[in-house]
């Protein structure tokens, strides 16, 4: 088992959805782990890899898949939705995907009504939607 940011990863096979990339925020929904979808969702961790694939290389169905997650603690690389200039210390929030599959689990710089995730901890950088950015995570 490897470690990531000094924390021990956890495999979850109780998925409500599959994860096509790493760096996505996850929440608990009943007994399942899913990507955050609404800005008021409370993330419990972040994916450090995509969910499992079958022998043909396709993502397995959620009922058969597993994903490795890590708690939101320390500096984690999260997938950003918002494109634009980021500067060190900028506040990062849960993105409001509103059901759009490709946007679930991402973060943004839009604060209105959104759960706070942490602070951007990189050099000044113009992000592109889908980039992984370093975020000093705080409890939501």
N, C-alpha and C. Protein backbone atom coordinates (compact mmCIF):
# COMPACT_ATOMS: atom_id res chain seq x y z
N UNK A 1 0.85 -1.17 0.00
CA UNK A 1 0.00 0.00 0.00
C UNK A 1 0.90 1.23 0.00
N UNK A 2 0.55 2.22 -0.80
CA UNK A 2 1.32 3.46 -0.84
C UNK A 2 0.66 4.51 0.04
N UNK A 3 1.41 5.52 0.36
CA UNK A 3 0.83 6.64 1.10
C UNK A 3 0.80 7.85 0.22
N UNK A 4 -0.08 8.77 0.53
CA UNK A 4 -0.31 9.96 -0.27
C UNK A 4 -0.49 11.11 0.70
N UNK A 5 0.36 12.11 0.63
CA UNK A 5 0.32 13.26 1.54
C UNK A 5 0.42 12.82 3.00
N UNK A 6 1.12 11.73 3.27
CA UNK A 6 1.30 11.28 4.63
C UNK A 6 0.09 10.59 5.23
N UNK A 7 -0.92 10.35 4.45
CA UNK A 7 -2.14 9.69 4.91
C UNK A 7 -2.30 8.35 4.22
N UNK A 8 -3.01 7.44 4.84
CA UNK A 8 -3.24 6.13 4.26
C UNK A 8 -4.51 6.14 3.41
N UNK A 9 -4.40 5.76 2.13
CA UNK A 9 -5.59 5.70 1.26
C UNK A 9 -6.55 4.60 1.71
N UNK A 10 -7.80 4.76 1.34
CA UNK A 10 -8.84 3.79 1.66
C UNK A 10 -9.52 3.38 0.36
N UNK A 11 -9.66 2.07 0.16
CA UNK A 11 -10.42 1.58 -1.00
C UNK A 11 -11.88 1.50 -0.63
N UNK A 12 -12.73 1.99 -1.50
CA UNK A 12 -14.17 1.90 -1.28
C UNK A 12 -14.80 1.16 -2.45
N UNK A 13 -15.61 0.17 -2.15
CA UNK A 13 -16.35 -0.54 -3.20
C UNK A 13 -17.84 -0.30 -3.07
N UNK A 14 -18.20 0.70 -2.27
CA UNK A 14 -19.61 1.09 -2.13
C UNK A 14 -19.84 2.36 -2.94
N UNK A 15 -19.86 2.21 -4.25
CA UNK A 15 -19.94 3.37 -5.13
C UNK A 15 -21.35 3.59 -5.66
N UNK A 16 -21.75 4.84 -5.68
CA UNK A 16 -23.01 5.22 -6.31
C UNK A 16 -22.78 5.69 -7.72
N UNK A 17 -21.51 5.86 -8.09
CA UNK A 17 -21.12 6.33 -9.42
C UNK A 17 -19.69 5.89 -9.68
N UNK A 18 -19.24 5.98 -10.91
CA UNK A 18 -17.84 5.69 -11.22
C UNK A 18 -17.06 7.01 -11.29
N UNK A 19 -15.76 6.93 -11.24
CA UNK A 19 -14.90 8.10 -11.25
C UNK A 19 -13.90 7.96 -12.39
N UNK A 20 -14.00 8.84 -13.38
CA UNK A 20 -13.16 8.74 -14.57
C UNK A 20 -11.80 9.40 -14.41
N UNK A 21 -11.56 10.07 -13.28
CA UNK A 21 -10.27 10.70 -13.06
C UNK A 21 -9.99 10.86 -11.58
N UNK A 22 -8.75 11.20 -11.26
CA UNK A 22 -8.39 11.45 -9.88
C UNK A 22 -8.62 12.92 -9.55
N UNK A 23 -8.56 13.23 -8.24
CA UNK A 23 -8.70 14.62 -7.82
C UNK A 23 -10.13 15.09 -7.70
N UNK A 24 -11.09 14.16 -7.61
CA UNK A 24 -12.50 14.53 -7.50
C UNK A 24 -12.96 14.43 -6.04
N UNK A 25 -13.72 15.42 -5.60
CA UNK A 25 -14.28 15.39 -4.26
C UNK A 25 -15.36 14.32 -4.18
N UNK A 26 -15.40 13.61 -3.06
CA UNK A 26 -16.44 12.59 -2.86
C UNK A 26 -17.25 12.92 -1.61
N UNK A 27 -18.50 12.49 -1.64
CA UNK A 27 -19.41 12.66 -0.50
C UNK A 27 -20.03 11.30 -0.20
N UNK A 28 -20.62 11.18 0.95
CA UNK A 28 -21.37 9.98 1.30
C UNK A 28 -22.83 10.25 1.01
N UNK A 29 -23.47 9.31 0.34
CA UNK A 29 -24.89 9.40 0.02
C UNK A 29 -25.52 8.06 0.42
N UNK A 30 -26.13 8.03 1.60
CA UNK A 30 -26.63 6.76 2.12
C UNK A 30 -25.44 5.87 2.43
N UNK A 31 -25.40 4.70 1.83
CA UNK A 31 -24.29 3.77 2.05
C UNK A 31 -23.23 3.87 0.96
N UNK A 32 -23.41 4.80 0.01
CA UNK A 32 -22.52 4.89 -1.15
C UNK A 32 -21.64 6.12 -1.13
N UNK A 33 -20.53 6.03 -1.85
CA UNK A 33 -19.64 7.15 -2.11
C UNK A 33 -19.95 7.65 -3.52
N UNK A 34 -20.13 8.96 -3.65
CA UNK A 34 -20.42 9.58 -4.95
C UNK A 34 -19.61 10.86 -5.07
N UNK A 35 -19.48 11.36 -6.28
CA UNK A 35 -18.85 12.66 -6.49
C UNK A 35 -19.78 13.75 -5.99
N UNK A 36 -19.20 14.82 -5.43
CA UNK A 36 -20.04 15.96 -5.03
C UNK A 36 -20.73 16.50 -6.27
N UNK A 37 -21.93 17.02 -6.09
CA UNK A 37 -22.72 17.50 -7.22
C UNK A 37 -23.22 18.93 -6.98
N UNK A 38 -23.62 19.23 -5.77
CA UNK A 38 -24.18 20.54 -5.44
C UNK A 38 -23.23 21.30 -4.53
N UNK A 39 -23.24 22.61 -4.63
CA UNK A 39 -22.30 23.44 -3.86
C UNK A 39 -22.45 23.29 -2.35
N UNK A 40 -23.60 22.80 -1.88
CA UNK A 40 -23.80 22.59 -0.44
C UNK A 40 -23.38 21.20 0.02
N UNK A 41 -22.95 20.33 -0.91
CA UNK A 41 -22.49 18.98 -0.54
C UNK A 41 -21.27 19.08 0.37
N UNK A 42 -21.19 18.17 1.32
CA UNK A 42 -20.06 18.13 2.25
C UNK A 42 -19.11 17.02 1.82
N UNK A 43 -17.95 17.39 1.28
CA UNK A 43 -17.00 16.36 0.84
C UNK A 43 -16.33 15.67 2.02
N UNK A 44 -16.09 14.35 1.87
CA UNK A 44 -15.41 13.59 2.92
C UNK A 44 -14.02 13.15 2.49
N UNK A 45 -13.72 13.29 1.22
CA UNK A 45 -12.42 12.87 0.72
C UNK A 45 -12.24 13.24 -0.74
N UNK A 46 -11.15 12.74 -1.31
CA UNK A 46 -10.81 13.01 -2.70
C UNK A 46 -10.27 11.72 -3.33
N UNK A 47 -10.61 11.50 -4.59
CA UNK A 47 -10.10 10.31 -5.29
C UNK A 47 -8.62 10.52 -5.61
N UNK A 48 -7.81 9.48 -5.44
CA UNK A 48 -6.41 9.58 -5.81
C UNK A 48 -6.11 8.73 -7.04
N UNK A 49 -7.15 8.20 -7.63
CA UNK A 49 -7.05 7.45 -8.88
C UNK A 49 -8.45 7.35 -9.45
N UNK A 50 -8.56 6.93 -10.67
CA UNK A 50 -9.89 6.69 -11.23
C UNK A 50 -10.43 5.38 -10.67
N UNK A 51 -11.72 5.13 -10.83
CA UNK A 51 -12.27 3.87 -10.33
C UNK A 51 -11.80 2.71 -11.22
N UNK A 52 -11.99 1.50 -10.72
CA UNK A 52 -11.43 0.31 -11.36
C UNK A 52 -11.98 0.08 -12.77
N UNK A 53 -11.17 -0.63 -13.53
CA UNK A 53 -11.51 -0.93 -14.93
C UNK A 53 -11.54 -2.45 -15.13
N UNK A 54 -12.27 -2.87 -16.16
CA UNK A 54 -12.32 -4.30 -16.48
C UNK A 54 -11.14 -4.68 -17.36
N UNK A 55 -11.09 -5.93 -17.78
CA UNK A 55 -9.97 -6.43 -18.58
C UNK A 55 -9.83 -5.69 -19.92
N UNK A 56 -10.93 -5.16 -20.44
CA UNK A 56 -10.90 -4.43 -21.71
C UNK A 56 -10.51 -2.97 -21.52
N UNK A 57 -10.32 -2.55 -20.27
CA UNK A 57 -9.91 -1.17 -20.01
C UNK A 57 -11.05 -0.20 -19.82
N UNK A 58 -12.28 -0.70 -19.77
CA UNK A 58 -13.44 0.16 -19.56
C UNK A 58 -13.73 0.31 -18.06
N UNK A 59 -14.24 1.48 -17.68
CA UNK A 59 -14.64 1.65 -16.29
C UNK A 59 -15.69 0.61 -15.94
N UNK A 60 -15.52 -0.04 -14.80
CA UNK A 60 -16.51 -1.01 -14.36
C UNK A 60 -17.77 -0.27 -13.90
N UNK A 61 -18.90 -0.96 -13.96
CA UNK A 61 -20.15 -0.39 -13.45
C UNK A 61 -19.98 -0.11 -11.97
N UNK A 62 -20.68 0.90 -11.47
CA UNK A 62 -20.54 1.31 -10.07
C UNK A 62 -20.75 0.14 -9.10
N UNK A 63 -21.66 -0.77 -9.43
CA UNK A 63 -21.95 -1.90 -8.54
C UNK A 63 -20.76 -2.85 -8.39
N UNK A 64 -19.87 -2.87 -9.39
CA UNK A 64 -18.73 -3.78 -9.39
C UNK A 64 -17.40 -3.06 -9.14
N UNK A 65 -17.41 -1.74 -9.15
CA UNK A 65 -16.17 -0.97 -9.12
C UNK A 65 -15.70 -0.63 -7.71
N UNK A 66 -14.47 -0.19 -7.64
CA UNK A 66 -13.91 0.36 -6.40
C UNK A 66 -13.09 1.59 -6.77
N UNK A 67 -12.84 2.44 -5.77
CA UNK A 67 -12.02 3.63 -5.99
C UNK A 67 -11.22 3.88 -4.72
N UNK A 68 -10.05 4.45 -4.89
CA UNK A 68 -9.20 4.78 -3.75
C UNK A 68 -9.37 6.25 -3.42
N UNK A 69 -9.69 6.51 -2.15
CA UNK A 69 -9.89 7.89 -1.70
C UNK A 69 -8.98 8.17 -0.51
N UNK A 70 -8.82 9.44 -0.24
CA UNK A 70 -8.03 9.89 0.89
C UNK A 70 -8.79 11.02 1.56
N UNK A 71 -8.70 11.14 2.88
CA UNK A 71 -9.41 12.22 3.57
C UNK A 71 -8.93 13.60 3.11
N UNK A 72 -9.80 14.58 3.27
CA UNK A 72 -9.44 15.96 2.96
C UNK A 72 -8.62 16.52 4.11
N UNK A 73 -7.32 16.36 4.01
CA UNK A 73 -6.42 16.81 5.05
C UNK A 73 -5.08 17.15 4.40
N UNK A 74 -4.45 18.20 4.84
CA UNK A 74 -3.17 18.59 4.26
C UNK A 74 -3.37 19.12 2.85
N UNK A 75 -2.32 19.08 2.05
CA UNK A 75 -2.41 19.55 0.67
C UNK A 75 -2.78 18.38 -0.23
N UNK A 76 -3.87 18.52 -0.93
CA UNK A 76 -4.35 17.51 -1.88
C UNK A 76 -4.48 18.15 -3.26
N UNK A 77 -4.31 17.36 -4.30
CA UNK A 77 -4.51 17.85 -5.66
C UNK A 77 -5.96 17.60 -6.06
N UNK A 78 -6.68 18.69 -6.31
CA UNK A 78 -8.10 18.63 -6.65
C UNK A 78 -8.31 19.12 -8.07
N UNK A 79 -9.36 18.63 -8.72
CA UNK A 79 -9.69 19.02 -10.08
C UNK A 79 -10.53 20.28 -10.05
N UNK A 80 -10.06 21.31 -10.77
CA UNK A 80 -10.77 22.58 -10.77
C UNK A 80 -11.70 22.69 -11.96
N UNK A 81 -12.85 23.31 -11.74
CA UNK A 81 -13.79 23.58 -12.82
C UNK A 81 -13.54 24.95 -13.43
N UNK A 82 -13.30 25.93 -12.57
CA UNK A 82 -13.16 27.32 -13.00
C UNK A 82 -11.84 27.55 -13.71
N UNK A 83 -11.88 28.12 -14.90
CA UNK A 83 -10.66 28.53 -15.59
C UNK A 83 -10.37 29.97 -15.20
N UNK A 84 -9.11 30.28 -14.96
CA UNK A 84 -8.73 31.65 -14.62
C UNK A 84 -7.50 31.70 -13.75
N UNK A 85 -7.09 32.92 -13.41
CA UNK A 85 -5.88 33.14 -12.63
C UNK A 85 -6.09 32.73 -11.17
N UNK A 86 -5.19 31.91 -10.67
CA UNK A 86 -5.19 31.52 -9.26
C UNK A 86 -3.93 32.08 -8.62
N UNK A 87 -4.07 32.58 -7.40
CA UNK A 87 -2.92 33.07 -6.65
C UNK A 87 -2.91 32.39 -5.28
N UNK A 88 -1.73 32.27 -4.70
CA UNK A 88 -1.59 31.56 -3.43
C UNK A 88 -2.55 32.13 -2.38
N UNK A 89 -3.18 31.24 -1.65
CA UNK A 89 -4.11 31.64 -0.59
C UNK A 89 -5.54 31.88 -1.05
N UNK A 90 -5.80 31.74 -2.35
CA UNK A 90 -7.17 31.96 -2.85
C UNK A 90 -8.10 30.87 -2.32
N UNK A 91 -9.29 31.26 -1.90
CA UNK A 91 -10.26 30.31 -1.35
C UNK A 91 -10.84 29.43 -2.44
N UNK A 92 -10.99 28.14 -2.12
CA UNK A 92 -11.50 27.14 -3.06
C UNK A 92 -12.75 26.51 -2.44
N UNK A 93 -13.78 26.28 -3.28
CA UNK A 93 -15.09 25.82 -2.83
C UNK A 93 -15.56 24.62 -3.65
N UNK A 94 -16.57 23.91 -3.12
CA UNK A 94 -17.23 22.84 -3.87
C UNK A 94 -17.92 23.47 -5.08
N UNK A 95 -17.71 22.88 -6.26
CA UNK A 95 -18.34 23.38 -7.49
C UNK A 95 -19.78 22.90 -7.58
N UNK A 96 -20.65 23.75 -8.07
CA UNK A 96 -22.07 23.41 -8.25
C UNK A 96 -22.26 22.81 -9.64
N UNK A 97 -22.15 21.48 -9.74
CA UNK A 97 -22.25 20.80 -11.04
C UNK A 97 -23.69 20.72 -11.54
N UNK A 98 -24.65 20.71 -10.61
CA UNK A 98 -26.05 20.68 -11.01
C UNK A 98 -26.43 19.50 -11.87
N UNK A 99 -25.81 18.34 -11.62
CA UNK A 99 -26.17 17.13 -12.35
C UNK A 99 -25.37 16.88 -13.61
N UNK A 100 -24.50 17.80 -14.01
CA UNK A 100 -23.68 17.61 -15.22
C UNK A 100 -22.54 16.65 -14.87
N UNK A 101 -22.56 15.47 -15.46
CA UNK A 101 -21.64 14.40 -15.08
C UNK A 101 -20.17 14.80 -15.13
N UNK A 102 -19.72 15.46 -16.16
CA UNK A 102 -18.32 15.83 -16.32
C UNK A 102 -17.85 16.90 -15.36
N UNK A 103 -18.78 17.52 -14.63
CA UNK A 103 -18.41 18.58 -13.69
C UNK A 103 -18.50 18.15 -12.23
N UNK A 104 -19.04 16.98 -11.96
CA UNK A 104 -19.19 16.51 -10.58
C UNK A 104 -17.83 16.27 -9.94
N UNK A 105 -17.74 16.58 -8.64
CA UNK A 105 -16.52 16.34 -7.89
C UNK A 105 -15.46 17.41 -8.02
N UNK A 106 -15.72 18.44 -8.80
CA UNK A 106 -14.73 19.49 -9.03
C UNK A 106 -14.86 20.62 -8.02
N UNK A 107 -13.85 21.47 -7.99
CA UNK A 107 -13.84 22.65 -7.13
C UNK A 107 -13.84 23.91 -7.99
N UNK A 108 -14.17 25.03 -7.36
CA UNK A 108 -14.14 26.31 -8.07
C UNK A 108 -13.80 27.44 -7.11
N UNK A 109 -13.72 28.64 -7.64
CA UNK A 109 -13.45 29.82 -6.82
C UNK A 109 -14.73 30.57 -6.51
N UNK A 110 -15.89 30.04 -6.92
CA UNK A 110 -17.17 30.68 -6.68
C UNK A 110 -17.66 30.36 -5.27
N UNK A 111 -17.85 31.43 -4.48
CA UNK A 111 -18.13 31.25 -3.06
C UNK A 111 -19.61 31.23 -2.69
N UNK A 112 -20.46 31.87 -3.46
CA UNK A 112 -21.85 32.09 -3.06
C UNK A 112 -22.56 30.79 -2.71
N UNK A 113 -22.82 30.60 -1.41
CA UNK A 113 -23.56 29.43 -0.93
C UNK A 113 -22.82 28.12 -0.99
N UNK A 114 -21.54 28.13 -1.39
CA UNK A 114 -20.79 26.89 -1.56
C UNK A 114 -20.00 26.53 -0.31
N UNK A 115 -19.79 25.22 -0.10
CA UNK A 115 -18.97 24.74 1.01
C UNK A 115 -17.50 25.06 0.74
N UNK A 116 -16.85 25.62 1.74
CA UNK A 116 -15.43 25.94 1.66
C UNK A 116 -14.62 24.65 1.73
N UNK A 117 -13.62 24.52 0.86
CA UNK A 117 -12.77 23.32 0.84
C UNK A 117 -11.37 23.64 1.38
N UNK A 118 -10.80 24.77 0.97
CA UNK A 118 -9.45 25.10 1.41
C UNK A 118 -8.87 26.25 0.63
N UNK A 119 -7.54 26.34 0.65
CA UNK A 119 -6.83 27.44 0.01
C UNK A 119 -5.89 26.91 -1.07
N UNK A 120 -5.85 27.62 -2.20
CA UNK A 120 -4.92 27.29 -3.27
C UNK A 120 -3.50 27.48 -2.77
N UNK A 121 -2.63 26.50 -2.97
CA UNK A 121 -1.27 26.56 -2.43
C UNK A 121 -0.21 26.40 -3.52
N UNK A 122 -0.41 27.10 -4.62
CA UNK A 122 0.58 27.05 -5.70
C UNK A 122 1.00 28.45 -6.10
N UNK A 123 1.89 28.51 -7.06
CA UNK A 123 2.32 29.80 -7.60
C UNK A 123 1.19 30.39 -8.42
N UNK A 124 1.28 31.69 -8.74
CA UNK A 124 0.27 32.31 -9.60
C UNK A 124 0.20 31.51 -10.90
N UNK A 125 -1.02 31.18 -11.31
CA UNK A 125 -1.20 30.21 -12.39
C UNK A 125 -2.56 30.44 -13.04
N UNK A 126 -2.61 30.40 -14.35
CA UNK A 126 -3.88 30.49 -15.05
C UNK A 126 -4.37 29.08 -15.32
N UNK A 127 -5.40 28.69 -14.59
CA UNK A 127 -5.89 27.31 -14.68
C UNK A 127 -6.80 27.12 -15.89
N UNK A 128 -6.90 25.88 -16.31
CA UNK A 128 -7.82 25.45 -17.35
C UNK A 128 -8.74 24.44 -16.69
N UNK A 129 -10.01 24.46 -17.03
CA UNK A 129 -10.96 23.52 -16.45
C UNK A 129 -10.45 22.09 -16.60
N UNK A 130 -10.41 21.36 -15.49
CA UNK A 130 -9.93 19.98 -15.49
C UNK A 130 -8.52 19.82 -14.95
N UNK A 131 -7.82 20.95 -14.71
CA UNK A 131 -6.48 20.88 -14.13
C UNK A 131 -6.52 20.38 -12.69
N UNK A 132 -5.46 19.73 -12.26
CA UNK A 132 -5.28 19.38 -10.85
C UNK A 132 -4.50 20.51 -10.20
N UNK A 133 -5.04 21.03 -9.09
CA UNK A 133 -4.39 22.14 -8.40
C UNK A 133 -4.14 21.77 -6.94
N UNK A 134 -3.04 22.27 -6.34
CA UNK A 134 -2.76 21.97 -4.93
C UNK A 134 -3.66 22.83 -4.02
N UNK A 135 -4.37 22.16 -3.11
CA UNK A 135 -5.27 22.87 -2.19
C UNK A 135 -4.96 22.42 -0.76
N UNK A 136 -4.72 23.40 0.12
CA UNK A 136 -4.58 23.11 1.55
C UNK A 136 -5.99 22.94 2.08
N UNK A 137 -6.39 21.71 2.34
CA UNK A 137 -7.78 21.38 2.67
C UNK A 137 -8.11 21.70 4.13
N UNK A 138 -9.32 22.17 4.33
CA UNK A 138 -9.89 22.43 5.65
C UNK A 138 -11.25 21.74 5.69
N UNK A 139 -11.72 21.39 6.87
CA UNK A 139 -13.02 20.73 7.00
C UNK A 139 -14.13 21.60 6.44
N UNK A 140 -15.03 20.96 5.70
CA UNK A 140 -16.14 21.70 5.08
C UNK A 140 -17.25 21.96 6.06
